[in-house]
Amino acid sequence: MSEVLDLVIIGAGPAGMTAAIYASRAQMKFVILEKAFPGGQITNTYEIENYPGIKTASGFELTTMMQEHVTHFGIEIKTEDVEDVLLNETIKTVKTSANTYQAKTVILAMGATWKKLGIEGEEAFSGRGVSYCATCDGAFYRNKTTMVVGGGDVAVEDAIYLARMCEKVYLVHRRDELRAVKVLQEKLFELENVETIWDSELIKIEGDQFVNKAEIMNKKTGDSRQIDADGVFIAVGSNPNTEFVRGKVDMDQGGYIATGENCMTNIEGVFAAGDLRQKSLRQVITACGDGATAVYSAERFI
């Protein structure tokens, strides 16, 4: 039988890397596993200016600094894809494509993936005018023109947020009414610099080095037109990367993992941290906070 670890951390985004640093400081026996590359979604962010102590940095630069911090503690991020987990026993089992790990506790930190439209120009201008997070990137578009795509709470909140700093905001929605709660709609419709474009879909994003145009099509008439825009914010939801733990821990209908304030799931000894957890704000700093909290809770559990 393999050595029983104190902890297995699954995922090496900001939550997972913070958890690894705290686990190392607590002198826990642990491994951190990442199927792709450390950093998660933030590696595609063009610029970050709301992380305390760092005035401005690209997502890649911040990820590199986090990795260097992890390496400083002698921690190795193992590149292994988790295929299955057995969580209900006292000793948890994590199976990857290469190894099987046993541990007293597990932190799920696989993050989430923004839903994409799959249209021309979306990938090409990702991080260069195309964003999936207004609170992350909105400040870069002060006094500029932006477009938000979506009709739910997040899209309307993004439009309201951007309207505070942008000269003009377009909200493009494929239906003739919004899905957002009424109180948000009321706030939106009071804003003079927000224009809602109904029954329409974004079909193409254009630009040079950065976005400068967006093409939309009216679903009812089939007519299309171009709109000048410096930034396009796609707010059609996100998908938590929780496929292999579905049915194994409590989740909401969207697949986000339910936890208490201590980040513990409904399974004792199993914790969730970062963007895959049910919470109101998904930012780098809140993910890091989750990572620290989860390790503290895991240590107390052991």
C-alpha atoms as a PDB file:
ATOM      1  CA  MET A   1       0.000   0.000   0.000  1.00  0.00           C
ATOM      2  CA  SER A   2       1.274   3.477  -0.874  1.00  0.00           C
ATOM      3  CA  GLU A   3       2.076   6.050   1.776  1.00  0.00           C
ATOM      4  CA  VAL A   4      -0.980   7.801   3.199  1.00  0.00           C
ATOM      5  CA  LEU A   5      -0.559  11.535   2.697  1.00  0.00           C
ATOM      6  CA  ASP A   6      -2.107  14.295   4.728  1.00  0.00           C
ATOM      7  CA  LEU A   7      -3.502  15.996   1.640  1.00  0.00           C
ATOM      8  CA  VAL A   8      -3.981  15.816  -2.128  1.00  0.00           C
ATOM      9  CA  ILE A   9      -4.595  19.121  -3.922  1.00  0.00           C
ATOM     10  CA  ILE A  10      -6.249  18.759  -7.323  1.00  0.00           C
ATOM     11  CA  GLY A  11      -5.634  21.780  -9.521  1.00  0.00           C
ATOM     12  CA  ALA A  12      -2.816  24.320  -9.703  1.00  0.00           C
ATOM     13  CA  GLY A  13      -4.589  27.583 -10.313  1.00  0.00           C
ATOM     14  CA  PRO A  14      -4.363  30.417  -7.760  1.00  0.00           C
ATOM     15  CA  ALA A  15      -6.428  28.408  -5.231  1.00  0.00           C
ATOM     16  CA  GLY A  16      -4.365  25.246  -5.621  1.00  0.00           C
ATOM     17  CA  MET A  17      -0.989  26.978  -5.572  1.00  0.00           C
ATOM     18  CA  THR A  18      -1.945  29.002  -2.483  1.00  0.00           C
ATOM     19  CA  ALA A  19      -3.098  25.786  -0.821  1.00  0.00           C
ATOM     20  CA  ALA A  20       0.258  24.181  -1.635  1.00  0.00           C
ATOM     21  CA  ILE A  21       2.180  27.075  -0.062  1.00  0.00           C
ATOM     22  CA  TYR A  22       0.085  26.911   3.110  1.00  0.00           C
ATOM     23  CA  ALA A  23       0.338  23.115   3.250  1.00  0.00           C
ATOM     24  CA  SER A  24       4.114  23.344   2.961  1.00  0.00           C
ATOM     25  CA  ARG A  25       4.282  25.913   5.753  1.00  0.00           C
ATOM     26  CA  ALA A  26       2.134  23.610   7.888  1.00  0.00           C
ATOM     27  CA  GLN A  27       4.628  20.783   7.172  1.00  0.00           C
ATOM     28  CA  MET A  28       1.896  18.568   5.768  1.00  0.00           C
ATOM     29  CA  LYS A  29       2.695  15.595   3.539  1.00  0.00           C
ATOM     30  CA  PHE A  30       0.930  16.392   0.278  1.00  0.00           C
ATOM     31  CA  VAL A  31       0.964  16.428  -3.510  1.00  0.00           C
ATOM     32  CA  ILE A  32      -0.473  18.978  -5.935  1.00  0.00           C
ATOM     33  CA  LEU A  33      -1.750  17.703  -9.271  1.00  0.00           C
ATOM     34  CA  GLU A  34      -2.458  19.661 -12.467  1.00  0.00           C
ATOM     35  CA  LYS A  35      -3.601  18.111 -15.752  1.00  0.00           C
ATOM     36  CA  ALA A  36      -2.491  20.956 -18.005  1.00  0.00           C
ATOM     37  CA  PHE A  37      -0.508  23.990 -16.881  1.00  0.00           C
ATOM     38  CA  PRO A  38      -0.448  26.020 -13.650  1.00  0.00           C
ATOM     39  CA  GLY A  39      -2.454  29.225 -13.465  1.00  0.00           C
ATOM     40  CA  GLY A  40      -5.788  28.266 -14.957  1.00  0.00           C
ATOM     41  CA  GLN A  41      -7.922  31.006 -16.488  1.00  0.00           C
ATOM     42  CA  ILE A  42      -5.720  33.903 -15.420  1.00  0.00           C
ATOM     43  CA  THR A  43      -2.948  32.893 -17.824  1.00  0.00           C
ATOM     44  CA  ASN A  44      -5.158  34.251 -20.640  1.00  0.00           C
ATOM     45  CA  THR A  45      -5.789  37.597 -18.929  1.00  0.00           C
ATOM     46  CA  TYR A  46      -3.996  40.430 -20.692  1.00  0.00           C
ATOM     47  CA  GLU A  47      -3.497  42.578 -17.590  1.00  0.00           C
ATOM     48  CA  ILE A  48      -4.337  42.382 -13.882  1.00  0.00           C
ATOM     49  CA  GLU A  49      -4.309  45.477 -11.689  1.00  0.00           C
ATOM     50  CA  ASN A  50      -6.499  44.489  -8.721  1.00  0.00           C
ATOM     51  CA  TYR A  51      -4.182  42.050  -6.928  1.00  0.00           C
ATOM     52  CA  PRO A  52      -2.793  43.808  -3.819  1.00  0.00           C
ATOM     53  CA  GLY A  53       0.908  44.539  -3.903  1.00  0.00           C
ATOM     54  CA  ILE A  54       1.171  44.179  -7.674  1.00  0.00           C
ATOM     55  CA  LYS A  55       0.278  47.392  -9.465  1.00  0.00           C
ATOM     56  CA  THR A  56      -0.065  45.735 -12.851  1.00  0.00           C
ATOM     57  CA  ALA A  57       0.906  42.413 -14.406  1.00  0.00           C
ATOM     58  CA  SER A  58      -0.287  40.144 -17.164  1.00  0.00           C
ATOM     59  CA  GLY A  59      -1.998  36.927 -16.180  1.00  0.00           C
ATOM     60  CA  PHE A  60       1.053  35.024 -17.403  1.00  0.00           C
ATOM     61  CA  GLU A  61       3.371  37.161 -15.274  1.00  0.00           C
ATOM     62  CA  LEU A  62       1.262  36.685 -12.138  1.00  0.00           C
ATOM     63  CA  THR A  63       1.078  32.940 -12.768  1.00  0.00           C
ATOM     64  CA  THR A  64       4.873  32.835 -13.156  1.00  0.00           C
ATOM     65  CA  MET A  65       5.327  34.685  -9.854  1.00  0.00           C
ATOM     66  CA  MET A  66       2.999  32.227  -8.120  1.00  0.00           C
ATOM     67  CA  GLN A  67       4.875  29.262  -9.587  1.00  0.00           C
ATOM     68  CA  GLU A  68       8.184  30.726  -8.445  1.00  0.00           C
ATOM     69  CA  HIS A  69       6.730  31.156  -4.967  1.00  0.00           C
ATOM     70  CA  VAL A  70       5.636  27.512  -4.968  1.00  0.00           C
ATOM     71  CA  THR A  71       9.054  26.394  -6.205  1.00  0.00           C
ATOM     72  CA  HIS A  72      10.709  28.465  -3.479  1.00  0.00           C
ATOM     73  CA  PHE A  73       9.137  26.084  -0.957  1.00  0.00           C
ATOM     74  CA  GLY A  74      10.475  23.061  -2.835  1.00  0.00           C
ATOM     75  CA  ILE A  75       7.027  22.054  -4.043  1.00  0.00           C
ATOM     76  CA  GLU A  76       6.689  20.084  -7.283  1.00  0.00           C
ATOM     77  CA  ILE A  77       3.486  20.506  -9.273  1.00  0.00           C
ATOM     78  CA  LYS A  78       2.886  17.060 -10.753  1.00  0.00           C
ATOM     79  CA  THR A  79       1.442  17.041 -14.264  1.00  0.00           C
ATOM     80  CA  GLU A  80      -1.118  14.271 -13.930  1.00  0.00           C
ATOM     81  CA  ASP A  81      -4.735  14.078 -15.083  1.00  0.00           C
ATOM     82  CA  VAL A  82      -7.087  12.924 -12.320  1.00  0.00           C
ATOM     83  CA  GLU A  83      -9.398  10.224 -13.636  1.00  0.00           C
ATOM     84  CA  ASP A  84     -11.318   9.220 -10.513  1.00  0.00           C
ATOM     85  CA  VAL A  85     -11.634   9.897  -6.788  1.00  0.00           C
ATOM     86  CA  LEU A  86     -12.977   7.787  -3.930  1.00  0.00           C
ATOM     87  CA  LEU A  87     -14.014  10.200  -1.213  1.00  0.00           C
ATOM     88  CA  ASN A  88     -16.426   8.480   1.152  1.00  0.00           C
ATOM     89  CA  GLU A  89     -13.847   6.446   3.070  1.00  0.00           C
ATOM     90  CA  THR A  90     -11.741   7.781   5.936  1.00  0.00           C
ATOM     91  CA  ILE A  91      -8.702   7.522   3.677  1.00  0.00           C
ATOM     92  CA  LYS A  92      -9.430   9.157   0.327  1.00  0.00           C
ATOM     93  CA  THR A  93      -8.117   7.767  -2.973  1.00  0.00           C
ATOM     94  CA  VAL A  94      -7.166   9.863  -5.992  1.00  0.00           C
ATOM     95  CA  LYS A  95      -6.435   8.003  -9.229  1.00  0.00           C
ATOM     96  CA  THR A  96      -4.539   9.692 -12.049  1.00  0.00           C
ATOM     97  CA  SER A  97      -3.355   8.491 -15.427  1.00  0.00           C
ATOM     98  CA  ALA A  98       0.005   7.669 -13.830  1.00  0.00           C
ATOM     99  CA  ASN A  99      -0.451   7.043 -10.090  1.00  0.00           C
ATOM    100  CA  THR A 100      -2.826   6.337  -7.230  1.00  0.00           C
ATOM    101  CA  TYR A 101      -2.635   8.554  -4.143  1.00  0.00           C
ATOM    102  CA  GLN A 102      -4.158   8.022  -0.715  1.00  0.00           C
ATOM    103  CA  ALA A 103      -4.689  10.861   1.728  1.00  0.00           C
ATOM    104  CA  LYS A 104      -6.587  11.909   4.826  1.00  0.00           C
ATOM    105  CA  THR A 105      -7.948  15.009   3.080  1.00  0.00           C
ATOM    106  CA  VAL A 106      -8.514  16.285  -0.464  1.00  0.00           C
ATOM    107  CA  ILE A 107      -8.855  19.835  -1.792  1.00  0.00           C
ATOM    108  CA  LEU A 108     -10.768  20.166  -5.066  1.00  0.00           C
ATOM    109  CA  ALA A 109      -9.397  23.218  -6.891  1.00  0.00           C
ATOM    110  CA  MET A 110      -9.966  22.451 -10.573  1.00  0.00           C
ATOM    111  CA  GLY A 111     -11.413  25.884 -11.347  1.00  0.00           C
ATOM    112  CA  ALA A 112     -13.992  26.755 -13.964  1.00  0.00           C
ATOM    113  CA  THR A 113     -14.023  27.507 -17.666  1.00  0.00           C
ATOM    114  CA  TRP A 114     -15.867  30.475 -19.150  1.00  0.00           C
ATOM    115  CA  LYS A 115     -18.503  29.503 -21.688  1.00  0.00           C
ATOM    116  CA  LYS A 116     -17.507  30.676 -25.125  1.00  0.00           C
ATOM    117  CA  LEU A 117     -19.551  31.661 -28.148  1.00  0.00           C
ATOM    118  CA  GLY A 118     -17.327  29.890 -30.651  1.00  0.00           C
ATOM    119  CA  ILE A 119     -17.466  32.756 -33.135  1.00  0.00           C
ATOM    120  CA  GLU A 120     -14.845  34.178 -35.484  1.00  0.00           C
ATOM    121  CA  GLY A 121     -12.332  36.390 -33.694  1.00  0.00           C
ATOM    122  CA  GLU A 122     -13.175  35.223 -30.169  1.00  0.00           C
ATOM    123  CA  GLU A 123     -10.044  33.131 -29.646  1.00  0.00           C
ATOM    124  CA  ALA A 124      -7.801  35.414 -31.682  1.00  0.00           C
ATOM    125  CA  PHE A 125      -8.605  38.456 -29.527  1.00  0.00           C
ATOM    126  CA  SER A 126      -8.898  36.702 -26.160  1.00  0.00           C
ATOM    127  CA  GLY A 127      -7.063  38.929 -23.688  1.00  0.00           C
ATOM    128  CA  ARG A 128      -6.731  41.625 -26.358  1.00  0.00           C
ATOM    129  CA  GLY A 129     -10.212  43.095 -26.199  1.00  0.00           C
ATOM    130  CA  VAL A 130     -12.222  39.947 -25.550  1.00  0.00           C
ATOM    131  CA  SER A 131     -12.824  39.282 -21.871  1.00  0.00           C
ATOM    132  CA  TYR A 132     -15.052  37.080 -19.743  1.00  0.00           C
ATOM    133  CA  CYS A 133     -14.756  39.122 -16.541  1.00  0.00           C
ATOM    134  CA  ALA A 134     -15.776  42.784 -16.310  1.00  0.00           C
ATOM    135  CA  THR A 135     -14.579  43.200 -12.719  1.00  0.00           C
ATOM    136  CA  CYS A 136     -11.181  41.831 -13.784  1.00  0.00           C
ATOM    137  CA  ASP A 137     -10.664  43.890 -16.915  1.00  0.00           C
ATOM    138  CA  GLY A 138     -13.229  46.696 -16.976  1.00  0.00           C
ATOM    139  CA  ALA A 139     -10.864  49.393 -15.717  1.00  0.00           C
ATOM    140  CA  PHE A 140      -8.791  49.119 -18.898  1.00  0.00           C
ATOM    141  CA  TYR A 141     -11.717  50.498 -20.897  1.00  0.00           C
ATOM    142  CA  ARG A 142     -12.228  53.762 -19.060  1.00  0.00           C
ATOM    143  CA  ASN A 143     -13.793  56.355 -21.357  1.00  0.00           C
ATOM    144  CA  LYS A 144     -14.029  53.788 -24.152  1.00  0.00           C
ATOM    145  CA  THR A 145     -16.835  51.840 -25.834  1.00  0.00           C
ATOM    146  CA  THR A 146     -17.575  48.288 -24.756  1.00  0.00           C
ATOM    147  CA  MET A 147     -20.068  45.563 -25.534  1.00  0.00           C
ATOM    148  CA  VAL A 148     -21.523  42.969 -23.171  1.00  0.00           C
ATOM    149  CA  VAL A 149     -23.081  39.785 -24.542  1.00  0.00           C
ATOM    150  CA  GLY A 150     -25.715  38.013 -22.442  1.00  0.00           C
ATOM    151  CA  GLY A 151     -28.990  38.571 -20.634  1.00  0.00           C
ATOM    152  CA  GLY A 152     -28.633  37.054 -17.190  1.00  0.00           C
ATOM    153  CA  ASP A 153     -27.618  38.555 -13.857  1.00  0.00           C
ATOM    154  CA  VAL A 154     -23.893  38.502 -14.638  1.00  0.00           C
ATOM    155  CA  ALA A 155     -24.313  40.206 -18.020  1.00  0.00           C
ATOM    156  CA  VAL A 156     -26.485  42.969 -16.580  1.00  0.00           C
ATOM    157  CA  GLU A 157     -24.189  43.440 -13.596  1.00  0.00           C
ATOM    158  CA  ASP A 158     -21.247  43.681 -16.013  1.00  0.00           C
ATOM    159  CA  ALA A 159     -23.035  46.315 -18.090  1.00  0.00           C
ATOM    160  CA  ILE A 160     -23.887  48.362 -14.986  1.00  0.00           C
ATOM    161  CA  TYR A 161     -20.308  48.075 -13.744  1.00  0.00           C
ATOM    162  CA  LEU A 162     -18.819  49.086 -17.096  1.00  0.00           C
ATOM    163  CA  ALA A 163     -21.235  52.015 -17.432  1.00  0.00           C
ATOM    164  CA  ARG A 164     -19.536  53.695 -14.462  1.00  0.00           C
ATOM    165  CA  MET A 165     -16.309  54.114 -16.409  1.00  0.00           C
ATOM    166  CA  CYS A 166     -17.072  53.624 -20.096  1.00  0.00           C
ATOM    167  CA  GLU A 167     -18.333  56.302 -22.439  1.00  0.00           C
ATOM    168  CA  LYS A 168     -20.758  53.848 -24.060  1.00  0.00           C
ATOM    169  CA  VAL A 169     -21.884  50.291 -23.298  1.00  0.00           C
ATOM    170  CA  TYR A 170     -23.880  48.051 -25.614  1.00  0.00           C
ATOM    171  CA  LEU A 171     -25.737  45.088 -24.127  1.00  0.00           C
ATOM    172  CA  VAL A 172     -26.489  42.464 -26.785  1.00  0.00           C
ATOM    173  CA  HIS A 173     -29.124  39.863 -25.962  1.00  0.00           C
ATOM    174  CA  ARG A 174     -30.576  37.177 -28.185  1.00  0.00           C
ATOM    175  CA  ARG A 175     -34.101  37.520 -26.799  1.00  0.00           C
ATOM    176  CA  ASP A 176     -36.565  40.384 -26.415  1.00  0.00           C
ATOM    177  CA  GLU A 177     -36.386  40.410 -22.620  1.00  0.00           C
ATOM    178  CA  LEU A 178     -33.650  39.915 -20.054  1.00  0.00           C
ATOM    179  CA  ARG A 179     -33.371  36.969 -17.676  1.00  0.00           C
ATOM    180  CA  ALA A 180     -31.740  39.065 -14.952  1.00  0.00           C
ATOM    181  CA  VAL A 181     -33.641  39.849 -11.761  1.00  0.00           C
ATOM    182  CA  LYS A 182     -35.930  42.876 -12.007  1.00  0.00           C
ATOM    183  CA  VAL A 183     -33.973  45.062  -9.597  1.00  0.00           C
ATOM    184  CA  LEU A 184     -30.904  44.780 -11.833  1.00  0.00           C
ATOM    185  CA  GLN A 185     -32.951  45.478 -14.935  1.00  0.00           C
ATOM    186  CA  GLU A 186     -34.335  48.638 -13.345  1.00  0.00           C
ATOM    187  CA  LYS A 187     -30.832  49.880 -12.579  1.00  0.00           C
ATOM    188  CA  LEU A 188     -29.702  49.076 -16.099  1.00  0.00           C
ATOM    189  CA  PHE A 189     -32.537  50.863 -17.869  1.00  0.00           C
ATOM    190  CA  GLU A 190     -31.862  54.027 -15.847  1.00  0.00           C
ATOM    191  CA  LEU A 191     -28.370  54.350 -17.330  1.00  0.00           C
ATOM    192  CA  GLU A 192     -28.184  56.779 -20.233  1.00  0.00           C
ATOM    193  CA  ASN A 193     -24.905  55.431 -21.622  1.00  0.00           C
ATOM    194  CA  VAL A 194     -26.152  51.841 -21.944  1.00  0.00           C
ATOM    195  CA  GLU A 195     -27.932  50.754 -25.119  1.00  0.00           C
ATOM    196  CA  THR A 196     -29.661  47.359 -25.173  1.00  0.00           C
ATOM    197  CA  ILE A 197     -29.772  45.589 -28.530  1.00  0.00           C
ATOM    198  CA  TRP A 198     -32.573  43.031 -28.525  1.00  0.00           C
ATOM    199  CA  ASP A 199     -33.092  39.804 -30.489  1.00  0.00           C
ATOM    200  CA  SER A 200     -29.476  39.844 -31.614  1.00  0.00           C
ATOM    201  CA  GLU A 201     -26.375  37.695 -31.532  1.00  0.00           C
ATOM    202  CA  LEU A 202     -22.709  38.557 -31.770  1.00  0.00           C
ATOM    203  CA  ILE A 203     -21.410  36.755 -34.863  1.00  0.00           C
ATOM    204  CA  LYS A 204     -17.906  38.158 -35.420  1.00  0.00           C
ATOM    205  CA  ILE A 205     -15.188  40.104 -33.593  1.00  0.00           C
ATOM    206  CA  GLU A 206     -12.669  42.139 -35.573  1.00  0.00           C
ATOM    207  CA  GLY A 207      -9.609  44.280 -34.928  1.00  0.00           C
ATOM    208  CA  ASP A 208      -5.936  44.845 -35.620  1.00  0.00           C
ATOM    209  CA  GLN A 209      -3.761  44.146 -32.575  1.00  0.00           C
ATOM    210  CA  PHE A 210      -6.802  44.755 -30.366  1.00  0.00           C
ATOM    211  CA  VAL A 211     -10.560  44.617 -30.870  1.00  0.00           C
ATOM    212  CA  ASN A 212     -12.111  47.566 -32.673  1.00  0.00           C
ATOM    213  CA  LYS A 213     -15.335  46.198 -34.191  1.00  0.00           C
ATOM    214  CA  ALA A 214     -18.067  43.700 -33.441  1.00  0.00           C
ATOM    215  CA  GLU A 215     -20.626  42.363 -35.911  1.00  0.00           C
ATOM    216  CA  ILE A 216     -24.107  41.495 -34.682  1.00  0.00           C
ATOM    217  CA  MET A 217     -27.074  39.907 -36.400  1.00  0.00           C
ATOM    218  CA  ASN A 218     -30.766  40.391 -35.659  1.00  0.00           C
ATOM    219  CA  LYS A 219     -32.277  36.923 -35.259  1.00  0.00           C
ATOM    220  CA  LYS A 220     -35.720  37.998 -36.445  1.00  0.00           C
ATOM    221  CA  THR A 221     -34.756  39.937 -39.564  1.00  0.00           C
ATOM    222  CA  GLY A 222     -31.417  38.343 -40.406  1.00  0.00           C
ATOM    223  CA  ASP A 223     -29.891  41.804 -40.833  1.00  0.00           C
ATOM    224  CA  SER A 224     -26.330  42.324 -39.623  1.00  0.00           C
ATOM    225  CA  ARG A 225     -24.373  45.438 -38.748  1.00  0.00           C
ATOM    226  CA  GLN A 226     -21.000  46.433 -37.373  1.00  0.00           C
ATOM    227  CA  ILE A 227     -20.536  48.345 -34.139  1.00  0.00           C
ATOM    228  CA  ASP A 228     -17.342  50.122 -33.135  1.00  0.00           C
ATOM    229  CA  ALA A 229     -16.183  48.704 -29.796  1.00  0.00           C
ATOM    230  CA  ASP A 230     -12.892  48.657 -27.927  1.00  0.00           C
ATOM    231  CA  GLY A 231     -13.799  45.683 -25.767  1.00  0.00           C
ATOM    232  CA  VAL A 232     -16.229  42.764 -25.856  1.00  0.00           C
ATOM    233  CA  PHE A 233     -17.278  41.122 -22.593  1.00  0.00           C
ATOM    234  CA  ILE A 234     -18.850  37.697 -23.022  1.00  0.00           C
ATOM    235  CA  ALA A 235     -21.117  36.894 -20.077  1.00  0.00           C
ATOM    236  CA  VAL A 236     -23.024  33.773 -21.039  1.00  0.00           C
ATOM    237  CA  GLY A 237     -21.985  31.767 -17.981  1.00  0.00           C
ATOM    238  CA  SER A 238     -19.194  29.426 -16.968  1.00  0.00           C
ATOM    239  CA  ASN A 239     -18.742  25.725 -16.471  1.00  0.00           C
ATOM    240  CA  PRO A 240     -17.042  24.474 -13.298  1.00  0.00           C
ATOM    241  CA  ASN A 241     -14.502  21.744 -13.971  1.00  0.00           C
ATOM    242  CA  THR A 242     -16.237  19.266 -11.695  1.00  0.00           C
ATOM    243  CA  GLU A 243     -17.108  16.446 -14.081  1.00  0.00           C
ATOM    244  CA  PHE A 244     -15.247  13.663 -12.268  1.00  0.00           C
ATOM    245  CA  VAL A 245     -16.790  14.518  -8.875  1.00  0.00           C
ATOM    246  CA  ARG A 246     -20.405  14.773 -10.047  1.00  0.00           C
ATOM    247  CA  GLY A 247     -22.558  12.657  -7.756  1.00  0.00           C
ATOM    248  CA  LYS A 248     -19.738  12.424  -5.221  1.00  0.00           C
ATOM    249  CA  VAL A 249     -20.138  15.801  -3.480  1.00  0.00           C
ATOM    250  CA  ASP A 250     -23.109  18.157  -3.197  1.00  0.00           C
ATOM    251  CA  MET A 251     -23.437  20.630  -6.079  1.00  0.00           C
ATOM    252  CA  ASP A 252     -25.959  23.107  -7.370  1.00  0.00           C
ATOM    253  CA  GLN A 253     -27.666  22.720 -10.741  1.00  0.00           C
ATOM    254  CA  GLY A 254     -24.781  24.465 -12.455  1.00  0.00           C
ATOM    255  CA  GLY A 255     -22.244  21.993 -11.080  1.00  0.00           C
ATOM    256  CA  TYR A 256     -20.688  24.359  -8.530  1.00  0.00           C
ATOM    257  CA  ILE A 257     -19.661  22.623  -5.322  1.00  0.00           C
ATOM    258  CA  ALA A 258     -21.513  23.515  -2.129  1.00  0.00           C
ATOM    259  CA  THR A 259     -19.343  24.241   0.920  1.00  0.00           C
ATOM    260  CA  GLY A 260     -19.452  25.945   4.273  1.00  0.00           C
ATOM    261  CA  GLU A 261     -17.363  28.984   5.174  1.00  0.00           C
ATOM    262  CA  ASN A 262     -14.531  26.597   6.031  1.00  0.00           C
ATOM    263  CA  CYS A 263     -14.582  25.312   2.419  1.00  0.00           C
ATOM    264  CA  MET A 264     -15.577  21.788   3.508  1.00  0.00           C
ATOM    265  CA  THR A 265     -18.007  19.928   1.289  1.00  0.00           C
ATOM    266  CA  ASN A 266     -20.723  17.583   2.560  1.00  0.00           C
ATOM    267  CA  ILE A 267     -18.038  14.857   2.705  1.00  0.00           C
ATOM    268  CA  GLU A 268     -15.824  15.093   5.759  1.00  0.00           C
ATOM    269  CA  GLY A 269     -12.216  15.719   4.862  1.00  0.00           C
ATOM    270  CA  VAL A 270     -13.056  16.916   1.339  1.00  0.00           C
ATOM    271  CA  PHE A 271     -12.735  20.644   0.609  1.00  0.00           C
ATOM    272  CA  ALA A 272     -13.372  22.871  -2.411  1.00  0.00           C
ATOM    273  CA  ALA A 273     -11.503  26.073  -3.234  1.00  0.00           C
ATOM    274  CA  GLY A 274     -11.616  28.620  -6.026  1.00  0.00           C
ATOM    275  CA  ASP A 275     -13.943  29.194  -8.945  1.00  0.00           C
ATOM    276  CA  LEU A 276     -15.639  25.779  -8.753  1.00  0.00           C
ATOM    277  CA  ARG A 277     -17.103  26.637  -5.347  1.00  0.00           C
ATOM    278  CA  GLN A 278     -20.524  28.240  -4.828  1.00  0.00           C
ATOM    279  CA  LYS A 279     -19.845  31.910  -4.075  1.00  0.00           C
ATOM    280  CA  SER A 280     -20.727  35.422  -5.183  1.00  0.00           C
ATOM    281  CA  LEU A 281     -17.338  36.654  -6.442  1.00  0.00           C
ATOM    282  CA  ARG A 282     -14.838  34.720  -8.530  1.00  0.00           C
ATOM    283  CA  GLN A 283     -11.510  36.565  -8.636  1.00  0.00           C
ATOM    284  CA  VAL A 284      -7.845  35.634  -8.252  1.00  0.00           C
ATOM    285  CA  ILE A 285      -7.781  37.038  -4.738  1.00  0.00           C
ATOM    286  CA  THR A 286     -10.894  35.149  -3.591  1.00  0.00           C
ATOM    287  CA  ALA A 287      -9.463  31.927  -5.031  1.00  0.00           C
ATOM    288  CA  CYS A 288      -6.268  32.462  -3.040  1.00  0.00           C
ATOM    289  CA  GLY A 289      -8.321  33.087   0.089  1.00  0.00           C
ATOM    290  CA  ASP A 290     -10.166  29.831  -0.478  1.00  0.00           C
ATOM    291  CA  GLY A 291      -6.893  27.946  -0.877  1.00  0.00           C
ATOM    292  CA  ALA A 292      -5.595  29.246   2.453  1.00  0.00           C
ATOM    293  CA  THR A 293      -8.898  28.561   4.218  1.00  0.00           C
ATOM    294  CA  ALA A 294      -9.162  25.028   2.827  1.00  0.00           C
ATOM    295  CA  VAL A 295      -5.691  24.070   4.069  1.00  0.00           C
ATOM    296  CA  TYR A 296      -6.332  25.578   7.482  1.00  0.00           C
ATOM    297  CA  SER A 297      -9.576  23.598   7.693  1.00  0.00           C
ATOM    298  CA  ALA A 298      -7.910  20.416   6.456  1.00  0.00           C
ATOM    299  CA  GLU A 299      -5.156  20.743   9.053  1.00  0.00           C
ATOM    300  CA  ARG A 300      -7.721  21.201  11.808  1.00  0.00           C
ATOM    301  CA  PHE A 301      -9.717  18.227  10.489  1.00  0.00           C
ATOM    302  CA  ILE A 302      -6.670  15.955  10.648  1.00  0.00           C
END
